[in-house]
Amino acid sequence: MQRVMIVGGPGSGKTTLANAMAERVNLPLWHIDQILWAADWVERDETDRIRDLYEIQTLDRWIIDGCYAPTMTERVARADTLIFLDFPVWQRIARVTWRVLQHRGEPRPEMPEGCVERFDHNFTEFLDFIWRTRDSLREKMVPLIEEPPAHLAVHHLRSGREVRRFLADLVPPNQPAIGAVSSA
């Protein structure tokens, strides 16, 4: 596991999982939100976003959390591991709402400076976006999950329990798996 892409709808826990994995398996981590946004929720130029993601994707080791369609095909081709967080829409809306409450008036740690969380028309538009697109990512991911390329390990996680089990099974580099026999 050297190049990991984590995808899922808003509020599915991509960043939380990515942070835990990066620490556990010692891989550099990039949040797509940091690439898509500049301060004060201004979208960065698409050419710059695509260029930055392509540069990251060419590296030997990474975790990239987030969905960005213009670079998805190349990311899949380069990744060795795909994690799809497929949670119910009601749970994702609840998580996004909690996230805004938790960070209200300040940016989340994974966001560019000035991307302050707040309850306003943008928040309600975001909730509407989550609702309208609740099935579209899954529809795109199903063929990839059902018939992944030979080079890609796919993990389709649908609950917090499955995510916790996945994390528990990760073995940090240079450490024997639980129950492994040491050659010493």
C-alpha atoms as a PDB file:
ATOM      1  CA  MET A   1       0.000   0.000   0.000  1.00  0.00           C
ATOM      2  CA  GLN A   2       1.885   3.001  -1.328  1.00  0.00           C
ATOM      3  CA  ARG A   3      -0.638   5.073  -3.327  1.00  0.00           C
ATOM      4  CA  VAL A   4      -4.068   5.281  -1.713  1.00  0.00           C
ATOM      5  CA  MET A   5      -7.104   7.157  -2.944  1.00  0.00           C
ATOM      6  CA  ILE A   6      -9.998   7.674  -0.565  1.00  0.00           C
ATOM      7  CA  VAL A   7     -13.298   8.671  -2.126  1.00  0.00           C
ATOM      8  CA  GLY A   8     -16.814   9.144  -0.848  1.00  0.00           C
ATOM      9  CA  GLY A   9     -19.542  11.730  -0.685  1.00  0.00           C
ATOM     10  CA  PRO A  10     -19.298  14.808   1.533  1.00  0.00           C
ATOM     11  CA  GLY A  11     -19.428  13.809   5.198  1.00  0.00           C
ATOM     12  CA  SER A  12     -18.453  10.193   4.586  1.00  0.00           C
ATOM     13  CA  GLY A  13     -15.302  10.466   6.711  1.00  0.00           C
ATOM     14  CA  LYS A  14     -12.628  10.703   4.008  1.00  0.00           C
ATOM     15  CA  THR A  15     -10.460  13.163   5.919  1.00  0.00           C
ATOM     16  CA  THR A  16     -10.817  11.357   9.236  1.00  0.00           C
ATOM     17  CA  LEU A  17      -9.793   8.060   7.645  1.00  0.00           C
ATOM     18  CA  ALA A  18      -6.984   9.679   5.645  1.00  0.00           C
ATOM     19  CA  ASN A  19      -5.525  11.306   8.754  1.00  0.00           C
ATOM     20  CA  ALA A  20      -5.635   8.024  10.692  1.00  0.00           C
ATOM     21  CA  MET A  21      -4.124   6.071   7.808  1.00  0.00           C
ATOM     22  CA  ALA A  22      -1.340   8.565   7.103  1.00  0.00           C
ATOM     23  CA  GLU A  23      -0.214   8.354  10.688  1.00  0.00           C
ATOM     24  CA  ARG A  24      -0.549   4.575  10.808  1.00  0.00           C
ATOM     25  CA  VAL A  25       1.162   3.643   7.525  1.00  0.00           C
ATOM     26  CA  ASN A  26       3.487   6.653   7.299  1.00  0.00           C
ATOM     27  CA  LEU A  27       2.373   7.915   3.888  1.00  0.00           C
ATOM     28  CA  PRO A  28       2.293  11.578   2.837  1.00  0.00           C
ATOM     29  CA  LEU A  29      -1.241  12.938   2.791  1.00  0.00           C
ATOM     30  CA  TRP A  30      -2.924  15.413   0.473  1.00  0.00           C
ATOM     31  CA  HIS A  31      -6.468  16.683   0.933  1.00  0.00           C
ATOM     32  CA  ILE A  32      -8.114  17.561  -2.376  1.00  0.00           C
ATOM     33  CA  ASP A  33      -9.989  20.382  -0.623  1.00  0.00           C
ATOM     34  CA  GLN A  34      -6.642  22.145  -0.109  1.00  0.00           C
ATOM     35  CA  ILE A  35      -6.022  21.891  -3.847  1.00  0.00           C
ATOM     36  CA  LEU A  36      -9.518  22.943  -4.946  1.00  0.00           C
ATOM     37  CA  TRP A  37      -9.950  25.953  -2.686  1.00  0.00           C
ATOM     38  CA  ALA A  38      -8.081  29.165  -1.938  1.00  0.00           C
ATOM     39  CA  ALA A  39      -8.773  31.419   1.050  1.00  0.00           C
ATOM     40  CA  ASP A  40     -12.380  32.486   1.685  1.00  0.00           C
ATOM     41  CA  TRP A  41     -13.860  29.579  -0.332  1.00  0.00           C
ATOM     42  CA  VAL A  42     -12.586  30.933  -3.637  1.00  0.00           C
ATOM     43  CA  GLU A  43     -12.193  28.126  -6.164  1.00  0.00           C
ATOM     44  CA  ARG A  44      -8.669  27.873  -7.521  1.00  0.00           C
ATOM     45  CA  ASP A  45      -8.178  27.962 -11.258  1.00  0.00           C
ATOM     46  CA  GLU A  46      -8.998  24.574 -12.796  1.00  0.00           C
ATOM     47  CA  THR A  47      -5.716  24.428 -14.691  1.00  0.00           C
ATOM     48  CA  ASP A  48      -3.796  24.918 -11.439  1.00  0.00           C
ATOM     49  CA  ARG A  49      -5.890  22.314  -9.607  1.00  0.00           C
ATOM     50  CA  ILE A  50      -5.387  19.691 -12.307  1.00  0.00           C
ATOM     51  CA  ARG A  51      -1.656  20.451 -12.577  1.00  0.00           C
ATOM     52  CA  ASP A  52      -1.174  20.162  -8.807  1.00  0.00           C
ATOM     53  CA  LEU A  53      -3.064  16.860  -8.603  1.00  0.00           C
ATOM     54  CA  TYR A  54      -1.153  15.400 -11.554  1.00  0.00           C
ATOM     55  CA  GLU A  55       2.129  16.322  -9.851  1.00  0.00           C
ATOM     56  CA  ILE A  56       1.054  14.613  -6.629  1.00  0.00           C
ATOM     57  CA  GLN A  57      -0.216  11.546  -8.477  1.00  0.00           C
ATOM     58  CA  THR A  58       3.178  11.018 -10.121  1.00  0.00           C
ATOM     59  CA  LEU A  59       4.875  10.612  -6.736  1.00  0.00           C
ATOM     60  CA  ASP A  60       5.756   7.115  -5.511  1.00  0.00           C
ATOM     61  CA  ARG A  61       3.876   7.353  -2.207  1.00  0.00           C
ATOM     62  CA  TRP A  62       0.684   9.179  -1.221  1.00  0.00           C
ATOM     63  CA  ILE A  63      -2.750   9.215   0.255  1.00  0.00           C
ATOM     64  CA  ILE A  64      -5.159  11.524  -1.555  1.00  0.00           C
ATOM     65  CA  ASP A  65      -8.506  12.104   0.098  1.00  0.00           C
ATOM     66  CA  GLY A  66     -11.343  13.485  -1.946  1.00  0.00           C
ATOM     67  CA  CYS A  67     -13.155  13.286  -5.216  1.00  0.00           C
ATOM     68  CA  TYR A  68     -12.259  15.411  -8.196  1.00  0.00           C
ATOM     69  CA  ALA A  69     -13.614  14.033 -11.457  1.00  0.00           C
ATOM     70  CA  PRO A  70     -11.134  15.616 -13.906  1.00  0.00           C
ATOM     71  CA  THR A  71      -8.244  13.604 -12.396  1.00  0.00           C
ATOM     72  CA  MET A  72     -10.097  10.493 -11.202  1.00  0.00           C
ATOM     73  CA  THR A  73      -9.165   8.229 -14.141  1.00  0.00           C
ATOM     74  CA  GLU A  74      -5.460   9.001 -13.829  1.00  0.00           C
ATOM     75  CA  ARG A  75      -5.588   8.616 -10.048  1.00  0.00           C
ATOM     76  CA  VAL A  76      -7.200   5.174 -10.389  1.00  0.00           C
ATOM     77  CA  ALA A  77      -4.533   4.164 -12.923  1.00  0.00           C
ATOM     78  CA  ARG A  78      -1.753   5.255 -10.567  1.00  0.00           C
ATOM     79  CA  ALA A  79      -3.208   4.126  -7.213  1.00  0.00           C
ATOM     80  CA  ASP A  80      -2.610   0.688  -5.749  1.00  0.00           C
ATOM     81  CA  THR A  81      -5.443   1.029  -3.221  1.00  0.00           C
ATOM     82  CA  LEU A  82      -8.922   2.513  -3.530  1.00  0.00           C
ATOM     83  CA  ILE A  83     -11.124   3.046  -0.495  1.00  0.00           C
ATOM     84  CA  PHE A  84     -14.741   3.946  -1.200  1.00  0.00           C
ATOM     85  CA  LEU A  85     -16.643   5.231   1.828  1.00  0.00           C
ATOM     86  CA  ASP A  86     -20.275   4.534   1.000  1.00  0.00           C
ATOM     87  CA  PHE A  87     -22.405   5.846   3.866  1.00  0.00           C
ATOM     88  CA  PRO A  88     -26.138   6.657   3.889  1.00  0.00           C
ATOM     89  CA  VAL A  89     -27.037  10.220   2.921  1.00  0.00           C
ATOM     90  CA  TRP A  90     -28.752  10.921   6.260  1.00  0.00           C
ATOM     91  CA  GLN A  91     -25.533  10.044   8.087  1.00  0.00           C
ATOM     92  CA  ARG A  92     -23.420  12.214   5.798  1.00  0.00           C
ATOM     93  CA  ILE A  93     -25.762  15.204   6.242  1.00  0.00           C
ATOM     94  CA  ALA A  94     -25.621  14.747  10.011  1.00  0.00           C
ATOM     95  CA  ARG A  95     -21.814  14.601   9.917  1.00  0.00           C
ATOM     96  CA  VAL A  96     -21.523  17.709   7.745  1.00  0.00           C
ATOM     97  CA  THR A  97     -23.877  19.564  10.088  1.00  0.00           C
ATOM     98  CA  TRP A  98     -21.854  18.450  13.117  1.00  0.00           C
ATOM     99  CA  ARG A  99     -18.633  19.443  11.351  1.00  0.00           C
ATOM    100  CA  VAL A 100     -19.940  22.976  10.785  1.00  0.00           C
ATOM    101  CA  LEU A 101     -21.089  23.211  14.405  1.00  0.00           C
ATOM    102  CA  GLN A 102     -17.737  21.938  15.649  1.00  0.00           C
ATOM    103  CA  HIS A 103     -15.675  24.361  13.535  1.00  0.00           C
ATOM    104  CA  ARG A 104     -18.124  27.248  13.254  1.00  0.00           C
ATOM    105  CA  GLY A 105     -16.289  30.525  12.684  1.00  0.00           C
ATOM    106  CA  GLU A 106     -12.949  28.881  11.864  1.00  0.00           C
ATOM    107  CA  PRO A 107     -11.483  26.761   9.076  1.00  0.00           C
ATOM    108  CA  ARG A 108     -11.196  23.010   9.549  1.00  0.00           C
ATOM    109  CA  PRO A 109      -7.567  21.858   9.901  1.00  0.00           C
ATOM    110  CA  GLU A 110      -7.512  20.342   6.388  1.00  0.00           C
ATOM    111  CA  MET A 111      -8.867  23.471   4.701  1.00  0.00           C
ATOM    112  CA  PRO A 112      -6.981  26.506   3.418  1.00  0.00           C
ATOM    113  CA  GLU A 113      -6.834  29.465   5.749  1.00  0.00           C
ATOM    114  CA  GLY A 114      -9.911  31.634   5.515  1.00  0.00           C
ATOM    115  CA  CYS A 115     -12.308  28.822   4.538  1.00  0.00           C
ATOM    116  CA  VAL A 116     -14.408  29.421   7.625  1.00  0.00           C
ATOM    117  CA  GLU A 117     -17.260  27.073   8.510  1.00  0.00           C
ATOM    118  CA  ARG A 118     -20.570  28.881   8.900  1.00  0.00           C
ATOM    119  CA  PHE A 119     -24.297  28.422   8.678  1.00  0.00           C
ATOM    120  CA  ASP A 120     -25.375  30.527   5.715  1.00  0.00           C
ATOM    121  CA  HIS A 121     -26.858  30.113   2.234  1.00  0.00           C
ATOM    122  CA  ASN A 122     -23.719  28.270   1.123  1.00  0.00           C
ATOM    123  CA  PHE A 123     -24.298  25.670   3.839  1.00  0.00           C
ATOM    124  CA  THR A 124     -27.891  25.089   2.777  1.00  0.00           C
ATOM    125  CA  GLU A 125     -26.775  24.874  -0.864  1.00  0.00           C
ATOM    126  CA  PHE A 126     -24.161  22.308   0.190  1.00  0.00           C
ATOM    127  CA  LEU A 127     -26.781  20.211   1.975  1.00  0.00           C
ATOM    128  CA  ASP A 128     -28.928  20.395  -1.162  1.00  0.00           C
ATOM    129  CA  PHE A 129     -25.912  19.271  -3.229  1.00  0.00           C
ATOM    130  CA  ILE A 130     -25.365  16.296  -0.901  1.00  0.00           C
ATOM    131  CA  TRP A 131     -29.011  15.305  -1.286  1.00  0.00           C
ATOM    132  CA  ARG A 132     -29.118  15.746  -5.080  1.00  0.00           C
ATOM    133  CA  THR A 133     -25.897  13.783  -5.639  1.00  0.00           C
ATOM    134  CA  ARG A 134     -26.538  11.092  -3.031  1.00  0.00           C
ATOM    135  CA  ASP A 135     -26.384   8.248  -5.568  1.00  0.00           C
ATOM    136  CA  SER A 136     -24.184   9.610  -8.369  1.00  0.00           C
ATOM    137  CA  LEU A 137     -20.774   8.688  -6.897  1.00  0.00           C
ATOM    138  CA  ARG A 138     -21.955   5.181  -6.060  1.00  0.00           C
ATOM    139  CA  GLU A 139     -23.181   4.731  -9.649  1.00  0.00           C
ATOM    140  CA  LYS A 140     -19.728   5.730 -10.920  1.00  0.00           C
ATOM    141  CA  MET A 141     -17.895   3.530  -8.415  1.00  0.00           C
ATOM    142  CA  VAL A 142     -19.909   0.279  -8.777  1.00  0.00           C
ATOM    143  CA  PRO A 143     -18.238  -0.840 -12.036  1.00  0.00           C
ATOM    144  CA  LEU A 144     -14.805  -0.131 -10.559  1.00  0.00           C
ATOM    145  CA  ILE A 145     -15.663  -2.007  -7.356  1.00  0.00           C
ATOM    146  CA  GLU A 146     -17.176  -4.980  -9.168  1.00  0.00           C
ATOM    147  CA  GLU A 147     -14.361  -5.317 -11.721  1.00  0.00           C
ATOM    148  CA  PRO A 148     -11.302  -3.431 -10.481  1.00  0.00           C
ATOM    149  CA  PRO A 149      -8.118  -3.294 -12.529  1.00  0.00           C
ATOM    150  CA  ALA A 150      -5.641  -6.014 -11.543  1.00  0.00           C
ATOM    151  CA  HIS A 151      -3.274  -3.498  -9.890  1.00  0.00           C
ATOM    152  CA  LEU A 152      -5.931  -2.003  -7.584  1.00  0.00           C
ATOM    153  CA  ALA A 153      -6.965  -3.300  -4.157  1.00  0.00           C
ATOM    154  CA  VAL A 154     -10.508  -2.055  -3.507  1.00  0.00           C
ATOM    155  CA  HIS A 155     -12.112  -1.576  -0.103  1.00  0.00           C
ATOM    156  CA  HIS A 156     -15.831  -0.716  -0.144  1.00  0.00           C
ATOM    157  CA  LEU A 157     -16.615   0.422   3.404  1.00  0.00           C
ATOM    158  CA  ARG A 158     -20.243   1.039   4.341  1.00  0.00           C
ATOM    159  CA  SER A 159     -20.227   1.610   8.098  1.00  0.00           C
ATOM    160  CA  GLY A 160     -18.173   2.976  10.946  1.00  0.00           C
ATOM    161  CA  ARG A 161     -17.601  -0.589  12.097  1.00  0.00           C
ATOM    162  CA  GLU A 162     -16.092  -1.534   8.720  1.00  0.00           C
ATOM    163  CA  VAL A 163     -13.837   1.538   8.799  1.00  0.00           C
ATOM    164  CA  ARG A 164     -12.636   0.722  12.329  1.00  0.00           C
ATOM    165  CA  ARG A 165     -11.971  -2.896  11.315  1.00  0.00           C
ATOM    166  CA  PHE A 166     -10.048  -1.725   8.243  1.00  0.00           C
ATOM    167  CA  LEU A 167      -7.897   0.598  10.362  1.00  0.00           C
ATOM    168  CA  ALA A 168      -7.297  -2.088  12.972  1.00  0.00           C
ATOM    169  CA  ASP A 169      -6.023  -4.429  10.269  1.00  0.00           C
ATOM    170  CA  LEU A 170      -3.469  -1.927   8.950  1.00  0.00           C
ATOM    171  CA  VAL A 171       0.075  -2.747   9.893  1.00  0.00           C
ATOM    172  CA  PRO A 172       2.572   0.105  10.061  1.00  0.00           C
ATOM    173  CA  PRO A 173       5.661  -0.323   7.837  1.00  0.00           C
ATOM    174  CA  ASN A 174       8.453  -2.465   9.311  1.00  0.00           C
ATOM    175  CA  GLN A 175       6.139  -3.951  11.919  1.00  0.00           C
ATOM    176  CA  PRO A 176       4.980  -7.552  11.923  1.00  0.00           C
ATOM    177  CA  ALA A 177       1.291  -8.214  11.521  1.00  0.00           C
ATOM    178  CA  ILE A 178      -0.530  -9.208  14.672  1.00  0.00           C
ATOM    179  CA  GLY A 179       0.040 -12.900  15.115  1.00  0.00           C
ATOM    180  CA  ALA A 180       2.984 -12.939  12.709  1.00  0.00           C
ATOM    181  CA  VAL A 181       5.974 -15.039  13.683  1.00  0.00           C
ATOM    182  CA  SER A 182       9.218 -13.164  14.136  1.00  0.00           C
ATOM    183  CA  SER A 183      12.360 -14.608  12.521  1.00  0.00           C
ATOM    184  CA  ALA A 184      14.523 -13.516  15.458  1.00  0.00           C
END
